[in-house]
């Protein structure tokens, strides 16, 4: 069973009084899922180039602390 099929199966089991929570969550998860703009595409290309030539640096902080 695919993840999508499992999600649909779980959605069918959600009681009507909780469906609003599911809708709100899905709206948040899917927000901003459009095509990236030219600036974003250029930033990804720059990052890929830095990774390829070894000039990429680690983030200056640890987000997991």
N, C-alpha and C. Protein backbone atom coordinates (compact mmCIF):
# COMPACT_ATOMS: atom_id res chain seq x y z
N UNK A 1 0.84 -1.17 0.00
CA UNK A 1 0.00 0.00 0.00
C UNK A 1 0.89 1.24 0.00
N UNK A 2 0.58 2.18 -0.87
CA UNK A 2 1.37 3.41 -0.94
C UNK A 2 1.04 4.32 0.24
N UNK A 3 1.91 5.29 0.47
CA UNK A 3 1.65 6.27 1.53
C UNK A 3 0.35 7.02 1.27
N UNK A 4 0.10 7.35 0.02
CA UNK A 4 -1.13 8.08 -0.33
C UNK A 4 -2.36 7.23 -0.02
N UNK A 5 -2.29 5.95 -0.36
CA UNK A 5 -3.41 5.05 -0.07
C UNK A 5 -3.63 4.92 1.44
N UNK A 6 -2.54 4.81 2.18
CA UNK A 6 -2.63 4.72 3.64
C UNK A 6 -3.23 5.99 4.23
N UNK A 7 -2.83 7.15 3.70
CA UNK A 7 -3.37 8.42 4.18
C UNK A 7 -4.87 8.49 3.92
N UNK A 8 -5.30 8.03 2.77
CA UNK A 8 -6.73 8.03 2.45
C UNK A 8 -7.48 7.09 3.39
N UNK A 9 -6.88 5.95 3.68
CA UNK A 9 -7.50 5.00 4.59
C UNK A 9 -7.65 5.62 5.99
N UNK A 10 -6.61 6.29 6.45
CA UNK A 10 -6.67 6.94 7.76
C UNK A 10 -7.68 8.08 7.75
N UNK A 11 -7.74 8.83 6.67
CA UNK A 11 -8.70 9.93 6.56
C UNK A 11 -10.13 9.41 6.69
N UNK A 12 -10.41 8.29 6.10
CA UNK A 12 -11.74 7.70 6.20
C UNK A 12 -12.09 7.34 7.64
N UNK A 13 -11.09 7.12 8.48
CA UNK A 13 -11.32 6.74 9.87
C UNK A 13 -11.44 7.95 10.81
N UNK A 14 -11.15 9.15 10.31
CA UNK A 14 -11.21 10.35 11.15
C UNK A 14 -12.68 10.72 11.39
N UNK A 15 -13.07 10.90 12.65
CA UNK A 15 -14.45 11.30 12.92
C UNK A 15 -14.72 12.72 12.40
N UNK A 16 -15.97 12.98 12.04
CA UNK A 16 -16.34 14.28 11.47
C UNK A 16 -15.95 15.45 12.36
N UNK A 17 -16.03 15.30 13.68
CA UNK A 17 -15.73 16.42 14.55
C UNK A 17 -14.23 16.76 14.57
N UNK A 18 -13.38 15.89 14.04
CA UNK A 18 -11.93 16.15 13.99
C UNK A 18 -11.45 16.51 12.58
N UNK A 19 -12.31 16.47 11.60
CA UNK A 19 -11.88 16.66 10.22
C UNK A 19 -11.33 18.07 9.99
N UNK A 20 -11.80 19.05 10.74
CA UNK A 20 -11.29 20.42 10.62
C UNK A 20 -9.80 20.50 10.95
N UNK A 21 -9.35 19.71 11.92
CA UNK A 21 -7.93 19.67 12.26
C UNK A 21 -7.11 19.10 11.11
N UNK A 22 -7.65 18.08 10.48
CA UNK A 22 -6.96 17.45 9.34
C UNK A 22 -6.86 18.43 8.18
N UNK A 23 -7.96 19.14 7.91
CA UNK A 23 -7.97 20.12 6.81
C UNK A 23 -6.94 21.22 7.09
N UNK A 24 -6.93 21.73 8.31
CA UNK A 24 -5.97 22.80 8.67
C UNK A 24 -4.53 22.31 8.51
N UNK A 25 -4.25 21.10 8.95
CA UNK A 25 -2.91 20.54 8.81
C UNK A 25 -2.52 20.41 7.35
N UNK A 26 -3.42 19.87 6.54
CA UNK A 26 -3.12 19.69 5.12
C UNK A 26 -2.91 21.02 4.41
N UNK A 27 -3.67 22.03 4.80
CA UNK A 27 -3.47 23.35 4.20
C UNK A 27 -2.08 23.88 4.54
N UNK A 28 -1.63 23.66 5.77
CA UNK A 28 -0.30 24.11 6.16
C UNK A 28 0.80 23.35 5.45
N UNK A 29 0.61 22.06 5.28
CA UNK A 29 1.61 21.22 4.62
C UNK A 29 1.75 21.57 3.15
N UNK A 30 0.64 21.95 2.51
CA UNK A 30 0.68 22.20 1.07
C UNK A 30 0.90 23.67 0.72
N UNK A 31 0.97 24.54 1.70
CA UNK A 31 1.19 25.97 1.43
C UNK A 31 2.56 26.18 0.81
N UNK A 32 2.62 26.99 -0.20
CA UNK A 32 3.88 27.34 -0.82
C UNK A 32 4.48 26.26 -1.69
N UNK A 33 3.69 25.33 -2.14
CA UNK A 33 4.22 24.23 -2.95
C UNK A 33 4.19 24.54 -4.45
N UNK A 34 4.18 25.80 -4.81
CA UNK A 34 4.21 26.18 -6.22
C UNK A 34 5.61 26.06 -6.80
N UNK A 35 5.75 26.49 -8.01
CA UNK A 35 7.05 26.46 -8.67
C UNK A 35 7.98 27.49 -8.03
N UNK A 36 9.26 27.15 -7.82
CA UNK A 36 10.19 28.12 -7.26
C UNK A 36 10.45 29.26 -8.24
N UNK A 37 10.70 30.45 -7.70
CA UNK A 37 10.98 31.60 -8.57
C UNK A 37 12.44 31.57 -9.02
N UNK A 38 12.79 32.50 -9.87
CA UNK A 38 14.14 32.54 -10.46
C UNK A 38 15.22 32.69 -9.39
N UNK A 39 14.95 33.48 -8.36
CA UNK A 39 15.94 33.69 -7.29
C UNK A 39 16.21 32.38 -6.54
N UNK A 40 15.16 31.64 -6.26
CA UNK A 40 15.33 30.36 -5.57
C UNK A 40 16.08 29.36 -6.42
N UNK A 41 15.74 29.30 -7.68
CA UNK A 41 16.43 28.39 -8.61
C UNK A 41 17.91 28.73 -8.68
N UNK A 42 18.23 30.03 -8.74
CA UNK A 42 19.63 30.47 -8.79
C UNK A 42 20.36 30.10 -7.49
N UNK A 43 19.68 30.23 -6.35
CA UNK A 43 20.31 29.88 -5.07
C UNK A 43 20.61 28.38 -5.01
N UNK A 44 19.69 27.55 -5.48
CA UNK A 44 19.95 26.11 -5.50
C UNK A 44 21.11 25.78 -6.44
N UNK A 45 21.16 26.43 -7.57
CA UNK A 45 22.25 26.20 -8.52
C UNK A 45 23.59 26.59 -7.90
N UNK A 46 23.59 27.71 -7.18
CA UNK A 46 24.82 28.14 -6.51
C UNK A 46 25.26 27.13 -5.46
N UNK A 47 24.29 26.63 -4.69
CA UNK A 47 24.60 25.62 -3.68
C UNK A 47 25.13 24.34 -4.30
N UNK A 48 24.50 23.90 -5.39
CA UNK A 48 24.98 22.70 -6.08
C UNK A 48 26.40 22.88 -6.58
N UNK A 49 26.70 24.07 -7.11
CA UNK A 49 28.05 24.35 -7.60
C UNK A 49 29.06 24.32 -6.46
N UNK A 50 28.69 24.89 -5.31
CA UNK A 50 29.58 24.91 -4.15
C UNK A 50 29.83 23.49 -3.64
N UNK A 51 28.79 22.65 -3.64
CA UNK A 51 28.97 21.27 -3.22
C UNK A 51 29.87 20.51 -4.19
N UNK A 52 29.70 20.78 -5.48
CA UNK A 52 30.47 20.07 -6.50
C UNK A 52 31.95 20.43 -6.46
N UNK A 53 32.26 21.71 -6.20
CA UNK A 53 33.67 22.11 -6.21
C UNK A 53 34.31 22.16 -4.82
N UNK A 54 33.56 21.74 -3.79
CA UNK A 54 34.12 21.64 -2.45
C UNK A 54 34.24 22.94 -1.68
N UNK A 55 33.57 24.00 -2.11
CA UNK A 55 33.66 25.27 -1.39
C UNK A 55 32.49 25.49 -0.44
N UNK A 56 31.59 24.53 -0.32
CA UNK A 56 30.46 24.66 0.60
C UNK A 56 30.95 24.58 2.03
N UNK A 57 30.35 25.36 2.90
CA UNK A 57 30.72 25.38 4.31
C UNK A 57 29.52 24.95 5.14
N UNK A 58 29.80 24.39 6.30
CA UNK A 58 28.72 23.98 7.22
C UNK A 58 28.06 25.22 7.80
N UNK A 59 26.83 25.04 8.25
CA UNK A 59 26.12 26.13 8.91
C UNK A 59 26.89 26.56 10.16
N UNK A 60 26.86 27.84 10.51
CA UNK A 60 27.63 28.32 11.66
C UNK A 60 27.04 27.94 13.01
N UNK A 61 25.95 27.21 13.03
CA UNK A 61 25.32 26.80 14.27
C UNK A 61 24.72 25.41 14.12
N UNK A 62 24.43 24.81 15.23
CA UNK A 62 23.84 23.49 15.23
C UNK A 62 22.36 23.63 15.58
N UNK A 63 21.48 23.36 14.65
CA UNK A 63 20.05 23.54 14.88
C UNK A 63 19.48 22.48 15.81
N UNK A 64 20.24 21.43 16.11
CA UNK A 64 19.75 20.35 16.94
C UNK A 64 20.13 20.50 18.41
N UNK A 65 20.73 21.61 18.79
CA UNK A 65 21.12 21.81 20.20
C UNK A 65 20.00 22.46 20.97
